[in-house]
Amino acid sequence: MIGGTHVEYDVYVKISSADVHKLGYILEVEDNLVNLRKHQDGVLRMLVTADLKDELLKLLDSLKEELNFEVLSCEVNSGSA
């Protein structure tokens, strides 16, 4: 929490449209872990709360053998949806 607000992170992942669909199904199993936001120009933006960020990054790391993607960055969300 920063200044009374909950911190959220944007996680940017380079991934194909087909693999976004598969990743979405996999992540739906993890209740309220992450929100898939936007897939544009081959990059998916996901929104995750600070307390679940490390869990999401570990899960993504474990899925690299199943899906072809690369985590590009993890940044504090600026307040955009």
Foldseek 3Di string as FASTA:
>chain_A
DPPPDWWKKKWKKQFDPVVVVVVVVVCVVVPPAWAFDDQDPRITIIIGTPVNVVVVVVVVVVCVVVGPMDTDDMGTDPPDD
